[in-house]
Amino acid sequence: MKLLPQSINITLPETKILSHEIDEDSVMVYDEKNSIFNPLEMKDYSNFRKEEEAKVEKEVIDKGLLDEAEEQTVKLSLIHI
């Protein structure tokens, strides 16, 4: 009897960030009077939020979040085989 090596090929999707969640309790709003010198519009907040999401995403990617997620995915996949 001969035992032949067997292999299983698993293809996983590329690791990526699926969503951005901001803890609304961590956002501080200062009460400033709206004047011609300090107009604040909804698009200002929207732009700020987008910029912050992009900044935080870059920071966590630079710190290795996606690499760690990929390593953990491989480990968990091997446990279930």
PDB file of N, CA and C in Angstrom:
ATOM      1  N   MET A   1       0.848  -1.155   0.000  1.00  0.00           N
ATOM      2  CA  MET A   1       0.000   0.000   0.000  1.00  0.00           C
ATOM      3  C   MET A   1       0.913   1.242   0.000  1.00  0.00           C
ATOM      4  N   LYS A   2       0.572   2.197  -0.866  1.00  0.00           N
ATOM      5  CA  LYS A   2       1.324   3.446  -0.929  1.00  0.00           C
ATOM      6  C   LYS A   2       0.406   4.613  -0.571  1.00  0.00           C
ATOM      7  N   LEU A   3       0.928   5.426   0.263  1.00  0.00           N
ATOM      8  CA  LEU A   3       0.181   6.637   0.586  1.00  0.00           C
ATOM      9  C   LEU A   3       0.685   7.745  -0.325  1.00  0.00           C
ATOM     10  N   LEU A   4      -0.219   8.332  -1.058  1.00  0.00           N
ATOM     11  CA  LEU A   4       0.146   9.418  -1.953  1.00  0.00           C
ATOM     12  C   LEU A   4      -0.142  10.754  -1.274  1.00  0.00           C
ATOM     13  N   PRO A   5       0.772  11.686  -1.467  1.00  0.00           N
ATOM     14  CA  PRO A   5       0.502  12.997  -0.866  1.00  0.00           C
ATOM     15  C   PRO A   5      -0.742  13.634  -1.499  1.00  0.00           C
ATOM     16  N   GLN A   6      -1.493  14.248  -0.669  1.00  0.00           N
ATOM     17  CA  GLN A   6      -2.686  14.927  -1.146  1.00  0.00           C
ATOM     18  C   GLN A   6      -2.573  16.409  -0.808  1.00  0.00           C
ATOM     19  N   SER A   7      -3.190  17.200  -1.604  1.00  0.00           N
ATOM     20  CA  SER A   7      -3.171  18.632  -1.320  1.00  0.00           C
ATOM     21  C   SER A   7      -4.548  19.231  -1.550  1.00  0.00           C
ATOM     22  N   ILE A   8      -4.777  20.287  -0.859  1.00  0.00           N
ATOM     23  CA  ILE A   8      -6.015  21.043  -1.014  1.00  0.00           C
ATOM     24  C   ILE A   8      -5.611  22.465  -1.361  1.00  0.00           C
ATOM     25  N   ASN A   9      -6.132  22.963  -2.430  1.00  0.00           N
ATOM     26  CA  ASN A   9      -5.873  24.353  -2.818  1.00  0.00           C
ATOM     27  C   ASN A   9      -7.067  25.205  -2.423  1.00  0.00           C
ATOM     28  N   ILE A  10      -6.777  26.230  -1.675  1.00  0.00           N
ATOM     29  CA  ILE A  10      -7.822  27.159  -1.240  1.00  0.00           C
ATOM     30  C   ILE A  10      -7.450  28.539  -1.760  1.00  0.00           C
ATOM     31  N   THR A  11      -8.366  29.159  -2.460  1.00  0.00           N
ATOM     32  CA  THR A  11      -8.145  30.518  -2.940  1.00  0.00           C
ATOM     33  C   THR A  11      -9.030  31.454  -2.134  1.00  0.00           C
ATOM     34  N   LEU A  12      -8.387  32.396  -1.482  1.00  0.00           N
ATOM     35  CA  LEU A  12      -9.119  33.352  -0.661  1.00  0.00           C
ATOM     36  C   LEU A  12      -9.141  34.705  -1.362  1.00  0.00           C
ATOM     37  N   PRO A  13     -10.183  35.476  -1.150  1.00  0.00           N
ATOM     38  CA  PRO A  13     -10.216  36.820  -1.752  1.00  0.00           C
ATOM     39  C   PRO A  13      -9.151  37.713  -1.119  1.00  0.00           C
ATOM     40  N   GLU A  14      -8.793  38.756  -1.825  1.00  0.00           N
ATOM     41  CA  GLU A  14      -7.814  39.711  -1.323  1.00  0.00           C
ATOM     42  C   GLU A  14      -8.312  40.329  -0.018  1.00  0.00           C
ATOM     43  N   THR A  15      -7.409  40.462   0.922  1.00  0.00           N
ATOM     44  CA  THR A  15      -7.760  41.071   2.201  1.00  0.00           C
ATOM     45  C   THR A  15      -7.985  42.563   1.995  1.00  0.00           C
ATOM     46  N   LYS A  16      -9.108  43.062   2.512  1.00  0.00           N
ATOM     47  CA  LYS A  16      -9.396  44.485   2.380  1.00  0.00           C
ATOM     48  C   LYS A  16     -10.291  44.929   3.519  1.00  0.00           C
ATOM     49  N   ILE A  17     -10.318  46.216   3.739  1.00  0.00           N
ATOM     50  CA  ILE A  17     -11.192  46.795   4.759  1.00  0.00           C
ATOM     51  C   ILE A  17     -12.584  46.915   4.161  1.00  0.00           C
ATOM     52  N   LEU A  18     -13.566  46.353   4.852  1.00  0.00           N
ATOM     53  CA  LEU A  18     -14.922  46.315   4.313  1.00  0.00           C
ATOM     54  C   LEU A  18     -15.781  47.500   4.740  1.00  0.00           C
ATOM     55  N   SER A  19     -15.469  48.074   5.884  1.00  0.00           N
ATOM     56  CA  SER A  19     -16.287  49.195   6.328  1.00  0.00           C
ATOM     57  C   SER A  19     -15.485  50.110   7.240  1.00  0.00           C
ATOM     58  N   HIS A  20     -16.007  51.287   7.417  1.00  0.00           N
ATOM     59  CA  HIS A  20     -15.426  52.285   8.313  1.00  0.00           C
ATOM     60  C   HIS A  20     -16.506  52.664   9.312  1.00  0.00           C
ATOM     61  N   GLU A  21     -16.190  52.506  10.559  1.00  0.00           N
ATOM     62  CA  GLU A  21     -17.149  52.878  11.590  1.00  0.00           C
ATOM     63  C   GLU A  21     -16.510  53.925  12.491  1.00  0.00           C
ATOM     64  N   ILE A  22     -17.193  55.008  12.718  1.00  0.00           N
ATOM     65  CA  ILE A  22     -16.721  56.045  13.623  1.00  0.00           C
ATOM     66  C   ILE A  22     -17.609  56.030  14.850  1.00  0.00           C
ATOM     67  N   ASP A  23     -16.972  55.951  16.003  1.00  0.00           N
ATOM     68  CA  ASP A  23     -17.711  56.007  17.256  1.00  0.00           C
ATOM     69  C   ASP A  23     -18.238  57.430  17.413  1.00  0.00           C
ATOM     70  N   GLU A  24     -19.512  57.604  17.217  1.00  0.00           N
ATOM     71  CA  GLU A  24     -20.114  58.942  17.256  1.00  0.00           C
ATOM     72  C   GLU A  24     -19.924  59.613  18.617  1.00  0.00           C
ATOM     73  N   ASP A  25     -19.774  58.812  19.671  1.00  0.00           N
ATOM     74  CA  ASP A  25     -19.546  59.389  20.994  1.00  0.00           C
ATOM     75  C   ASP A  25     -18.157  60.010  21.116  1.00  0.00           C
ATOM     76  N   SER A  26     -17.262  59.638  20.213  1.00  0.00           N
ATOM     77  CA  SER A  26     -15.908  60.191  20.277  1.00  0.00           C
ATOM     78  C   SER A  26     -15.772  61.494  19.496  1.00  0.00           C
ATOM     79  N   VAL A  27     -16.810  61.871  18.765  1.00  0.00           N
ATOM     80  CA  VAL A  27     -16.784  63.101  17.984  1.00  0.00           C
ATOM     81  C   VAL A  27     -17.241  64.250  18.868  1.00  0.00           C
ATOM     82  N   MET A  28     -16.415  65.272  18.928  1.00  0.00           N
ATOM     83  CA  MET A  28     -16.762  66.431  19.750  1.00  0.00           C
ATOM     84  C   MET A  28     -17.139  67.591  18.840  1.00  0.00           C
ATOM     85  N   VAL A  29     -18.232  68.222  19.152  1.00  0.00           N
ATOM     86  CA  VAL A  29     -18.695  69.379  18.389  1.00  0.00           C
ATOM     87  C   VAL A  29     -18.649  70.582  19.313  1.00  0.00           C
ATOM     88  N   TYR A  30     -17.991  71.609  18.857  1.00  0.00           N
ATOM     89  CA  TYR A  30     -17.906  72.836  19.631  1.00  0.00           C
ATOM     90  C   TYR A  30     -18.976  73.800  19.142  1.00  0.00           C
ATOM     91  N   ASP A  31     -19.617  74.434  20.049  1.00  0.00           N
ATOM     92  CA  ASP A  31     -20.692  75.355  19.712  1.00  0.00           C
ATOM     93  C   ASP A  31     -20.086  76.684  19.254  1.00  0.00           C
ATOM     94  N   GLU A  32     -20.142  76.901  17.964  1.00  0.00           N
ATOM     95  CA  GLU A  32     -19.665  78.163  17.401  1.00  0.00           C
ATOM     96  C   GLU A  32     -20.813  78.801  16.650  1.00  0.00           C
ATOM     97  N   LYS A  33     -20.924  80.092  16.805  1.00  0.00           N
ATOM     98  CA  LYS A  33     -21.997  80.787  16.110  1.00  0.00           C
ATOM     99  C   LYS A  33     -21.695  80.824  14.626  1.00  0.00           C
ATOM    100  N   ASN A  34     -22.727  80.609  13.856  1.00  0.00           N
ATOM    101  CA  ASN A  34     -22.588  80.662  12.412  1.00  0.00           C
ATOM    102  C   ASN A  34     -22.610  82.127  11.985  1.00  0.00           C
ATOM    103  N   SER A  35     -21.575  82.537  11.302  1.00  0.00           N
ATOM    104  CA  SER A  35     -21.516  83.916  10.837  1.00  0.00           C
ATOM    105  C   SER A  35     -20.927  83.937   9.436  1.00  0.00           C
ATOM    106  N   ILE A  36     -20.865  85.083   8.847  1.00  0.00           N
ATOM    107  CA  ILE A  36     -20.298  85.163   7.501  1.00  0.00           C
ATOM    108  C   ILE A  36     -18.808  84.833   7.517  1.00  0.00           C
ATOM    109  N   PHE A  37     -18.167  84.940   8.686  1.00  0.00           N
ATOM    110  CA  PHE A  37     -16.745  84.621   8.794  1.00  0.00           C
ATOM    111  C   PHE A  37     -16.490  83.153   9.118  1.00  0.00           C
ATOM    112  N   ASN A  38     -17.527  82.457   9.566  1.00  0.00           N
ATOM    113  CA  ASN A  38     -17.356  81.074   9.975  1.00  0.00           C
ATOM    114  C   ASN A  38     -18.543  80.219   9.526  1.00  0.00           C
ATOM    115  N   PRO A  39     -18.819  80.174   8.235  1.00  0.00           N
ATOM    116  CA  PRO A  39     -19.939  79.337   7.803  1.00  0.00           C
ATOM    117  C   PRO A  39     -19.565  77.853   7.887  1.00  0.00           C
ATOM    118  N   LEU A  40     -20.454  77.045   8.380  1.00  0.00           N
ATOM    119  CA  LEU A  40     -20.231  75.609   8.485  1.00  0.00           C
ATOM    120  C   LEU A  40     -21.397  74.907   7.805  1.00  0.00           C
ATOM    121  N   GLU A  41     -21.075  74.125   6.805  1.00  0.00           N
ATOM    122  CA  GLU A  41     -22.118  73.436   6.050  1.00  0.00           C
ATOM    123  C   GLU A  41     -21.974  71.933   6.234  1.00  0.00           C
ATOM    124  N   MET A  42     -23.028  71.213   5.894  1.00  0.00           N
ATOM    125  CA  MET A  42     -23.035  69.768   6.023  1.00  0.00           C
ATOM    126  C   MET A  42     -21.919  69.131   5.196  1.00  0.00           C
ATOM    127  N   LYS A  43     -21.621  69.705   4.038  1.00  0.00           N
ATOM    128  CA  LYS A  43     -20.573  69.129   3.193  1.00  0.00           C
ATOM    129  C   LYS A  43     -19.207  69.237   3.870  1.00  0.00           C
ATOM    130  N   ASP A  44     -19.030  70.250   4.737  1.00  0.00           N
ATOM    131  CA  ASP A  44     -17.783  70.379   5.490  1.00  0.00           C
ATOM    132  C   ASP A  44     -17.588  69.161   6.388  1.00  0.00           C
ATOM    133  N   TYR A  45     -18.644  68.779   7.099  1.00  0.00           N
ATOM    134  CA  TYR A  45     -18.579  67.611   7.976  1.00  0.00           C
ATOM    135  C   TYR A  45     -18.371  66.353   7.153  1.00  0.00           C
ATOM    136  N   SER A  46     -19.072  66.247   6.053  1.00  0.00           N
ATOM    137  CA  SER A  46     -18.947  65.081   5.186  1.00  0.00           C
ATOM    138  C   SER A  46     -17.530  64.942   4.657  1.00  0.00           C
ATOM    139  N   ASN A  47     -16.950  66.039   4.206  1.00  0.00           N
ATOM    140  CA  ASN A  47     -15.573  66.009   3.714  1.00  0.00           C
ATOM    141  C   ASN A  47     -14.595  65.651   4.830  1.00  0.00           C
ATOM    142  N   PHE A  48     -14.811  66.228   6.007  1.00  0.00           N
ATOM    143  CA  PHE A  48     -13.959  65.926   7.155  1.00  0.00           C
ATOM    144  C   PHE A  48     -14.003  64.441   7.471  1.00  0.00           C
ATOM    145  N   ARG A  49     -15.202  63.890   7.486  1.00  0.00           N
ATOM    146  CA  ARG A  49     -15.383  62.467   7.817  1.00  0.00           C
ATOM    147  C   ARG A  49     -14.661  61.585   6.798  1.00  0.00           C
ATOM    148  N   LYS A  50     -14.795  61.887   5.506  1.00  0.00           N
ATOM    149  CA  LYS A  50     -14.127  61.111   4.461  1.00  0.00           C
ATOM    150  C   LYS A  50     -12.613  61.189   4.598  1.00  0.00           C
ATOM    151  N   GLU A  51     -12.112  62.384   4.875  1.00  0.00           N
ATOM    152  CA  GLU A  51     -10.669  62.560   5.040  1.00  0.00           C
ATOM    153  C   GLU A  51     -10.145  61.770   6.240  1.00  0.00           C
ATOM    154  N   GLU A  52     -10.895  61.797   7.325  1.00  0.00           N
ATOM    155  CA  GLU A  52     -10.479  61.068   8.525  1.00  0.00           C
ATOM    156  C   GLU A  52     -10.519  59.560   8.295  1.00  0.00           C
ATOM    157  N   GLU A  53     -11.542  59.076   7.593  1.00  0.00           N
ATOM    158  CA  GLU A  53     -11.624  57.643   7.294  1.00  0.00           C
ATOM    159  C   GLU A  53     -10.425  57.205   6.461  1.00  0.00           C
ATOM    160  N   ALA A  54     -10.071  57.988   5.448  1.00  0.00           N
ATOM    161  CA  ALA A  54      -8.928  57.659   4.603  1.00  0.00           C
ATOM    162  C   ALA A  54      -7.631  57.690   5.402  1.00  0.00           C
ATOM    163  N   LYS A  55      -7.493  58.677   6.278  1.00  0.00           N
ATOM    164  CA  LYS A  55      -6.282  58.805   7.102  1.00  0.00           C
ATOM    165  C   LYS A  55      -6.134  57.608   8.043  1.00  0.00           C
ATOM    166  N   VAL A  56      -7.206  57.238   8.708  1.00  0.00           N
ATOM    167  CA  VAL A  56      -7.159  56.118   9.649  1.00  0.00           C
ATOM    168  C   VAL A  56      -6.926  54.809   8.898  1.00  0.00           C
ATOM    169  N   GLU A  57      -7.557  54.645   7.736  1.00  0.00           N
ATOM    170  CA  GLU A  57      -7.347  53.430   6.945  1.00  0.00           C
ATOM    171  C   GLU A  57      -5.872  53.287   6.567  1.00  0.00           C
ATOM    172  N   LYS A  58      -5.253  54.365   6.121  1.00  0.00           N
ATOM    173  CA  LYS A  58      -3.833  54.313   5.759  1.00  0.00           C
ATOM    174  C   LYS A  58      -2.977  53.966   6.971  1.00  0.00           C
ATOM    175  N   GLU A  59      -3.292  54.557   8.123  1.00  0.00           N
ATOM    176  CA  GLU A  59      -2.528  54.286   9.337  1.00  0.00           C
ATOM    177  C   GLU A  59      -2.583  52.813   9.723  1.00  0.00           C
ATOM    178  N   VAL A  60      -3.772  52.221   9.714  1.00  0.00           N
ATOM    179  CA  VAL A  60      -3.878  50.814  10.125  1.00  0.00           C
ATOM    180  C   VAL A  60      -3.262  49.874   9.096  1.00  0.00           C
ATOM    181  N   ILE A  61      -3.330  50.230   7.820  1.00  0.00           N
ATOM    182  CA  ILE A  61      -2.676  49.413   6.797  1.00  0.00           C
ATOM    183  C   ILE A  61      -1.170  49.486   6.977  1.00  0.00           C
ATOM    184  N   ASP A  62      -0.648  50.689   7.225  1.00  0.00           N
ATOM    185  CA  ASP A  62       0.789  50.859   7.454  1.00  0.00           C
ATOM    186  C   ASP A  62       1.261  50.083   8.681  1.00  0.00           C
ATOM    187  N   LYS A  63       0.383  49.925   9.662  1.00  0.00           N
ATOM    188  CA  LYS A  63       0.735  49.185  10.885  1.00  0.00           C
ATOM    189  C   LYS A  63       0.574  47.671  10.711  1.00  0.00           C
ATOM    190  N   GLY A  64       0.116  47.219   9.530  1.00  0.00           N
ATOM    191  CA  GLY A  64       0.057  45.788   9.254  1.00  0.00           C
ATOM    192  C   GLY A  64      -1.276  45.120   9.491  1.00  0.00           C
ATOM    193  N   LEU A  65      -2.351  45.885   9.562  1.00  0.00           N
ATOM    194  CA  LEU A  65      -3.663  45.282   9.823  1.00  0.00           C
ATOM    195  C   LEU A  65      -4.039  44.234   8.770  1.00  0.00           C
ATOM    196  N   LEU A  66      -3.849  44.557   7.498  1.00  0.00           N
ATOM    197  CA  LEU A  66      -4.244  43.613   6.445  1.00  0.00           C
ATOM    198  C   LEU A  66      -3.363  42.368   6.463  1.00  0.00           C
ATOM    199  N   ASP A  67      -2.072  42.537   6.730  1.00  0.00           N
ATOM    200  CA  ASP A  67      -1.176  41.381   6.815  1.00  0.00           C
ATOM    201  C   ASP A  67      -1.591  40.465   7.961  1.00  0.00           C
ATOM    202  N   GLU A  68      -1.891  41.052   9.107  1.00  0.00           N
ATOM    203  CA  GLU A  68      -2.328  40.267  10.256  1.00  0.00           C
ATOM    204  C   GLU A  68      -3.657  39.559   9.962  1.00  0.00           C
ATOM    205  N   ALA A  69      -4.574  40.260   9.319  1.00  0.00           N
ATOM    206  CA  ALA A  69      -5.871  39.649   8.981  1.00  0.00           C
ATOM    207  C   ALA A  69      -5.672  38.463   8.043  1.00  0.00           C
ATOM    208  N   GLU A  70      -4.761  38.609   7.104  1.00  0.00           N
ATOM    209  CA  GLU A  70      -4.499  37.509   6.165  1.00  0.00           C
ATOM    210  C   GLU A  70      -3.886  36.316   6.897  1.00  0.00           C
ATOM    211  N   GLU A  71      -2.934  36.578   7.802  1.00  0.00           N
ATOM    212  CA  GLU A  71      -2.323  35.489   8.572  1.00  0.00           C
ATOM    213  C   GLU A  71      -3.366  34.762   9.416  1.00  0.00           C
ATOM    214  N   GLN A  72      -4.232  35.509  10.066  1.00  0.00           N
ATOM    215  CA  GLN A  72      -5.269  34.894  10.895  1.00  0.00           C
ATOM    216  C   GLN A  72      -6.259  34.087  10.052  1.00  0.00           C
ATOM    217  N   THR A  73      -6.556  34.582   8.866  1.00  0.00           N
ATOM    218  CA  THR A  73      -7.467  33.864   7.967  1.00  0.00           C
ATOM    219  C   THR A  73      -6.872  32.525   7.569  1.00  0.00           C
ATOM    220  N   VAL A  74      -5.589  32.528   7.246  1.00  0.00           N
ATOM    221  CA  VAL A  74      -4.915  31.279   6.868  1.00  0.00           C
ATOM    222  C   VAL A  74      -4.915  30.314   8.058  1.00  0.00           C
ATOM    223  N   LYS A  75      -4.577  30.815   9.255  1.00  0.00           N
ATOM    224  CA  LYS A  75      -4.564  29.949  10.441  1.00  0.00           C
ATOM    225  C   LYS A  75      -5.939  29.336  10.685  1.00  0.00           C
ATOM    226  N   LEU A  76      -6.986  30.155  10.634  1.00  0.00           N
ATOM    227  CA  LEU A  76      -8.339  29.640  10.877  1.00  0.00           C
ATOM    228  C   LEU A  76      -8.769  28.660   9.793  1.00  0.00           C
ATOM    229  N   SER A  77      -8.350  28.910   8.565  1.00  0.00           N
ATOM    230  CA  SER A  77      -8.703  28.005   7.473  1.00  0.00           C
ATOM    231  C   SER A  77      -8.049  26.638   7.689  1.00  0.00           C
ATOM    232  N   LEU A  78      -6.801  26.641   8.135  1.00  0.00           N
ATOM    233  CA  LEU A  78      -6.086  25.374   8.349  1.00  0.00           C
ATOM    234  C   LEU A  78      -6.688  24.579   9.505  1.00  0.00           C
ATOM    235  N   ILE A  79      -7.198  25.280  10.503  1.00  0.00           N
ATOM    236  CA  ILE A  79      -7.824  24.590  11.637  1.00  0.00           C
ATOM    237  C   ILE A  79      -9.051  23.806  11.180  1.00  0.00           C
ATOM    238  N   HIS A  80      -9.767  24.321  10.215  1.00  0.00           N
ATOM    239  CA  HIS A  80     -11.029  23.707   9.785  1.00  0.00           C
ATOM    240  C   HIS A  80     -10.866  22.701   8.654  1.00  0.00           C
ATOM    241  N   ILE A  81      -9.654  22.427   8.283  1.00  0.00           N
ATOM    242  CA  ILE A  81      -9.442  21.432   7.206  1.00  0.00           C
ATOM    243  C   ILE A  81      -9.166  20.090   7.816  1.00  0.00           C
TER     244      ILE A  81
END
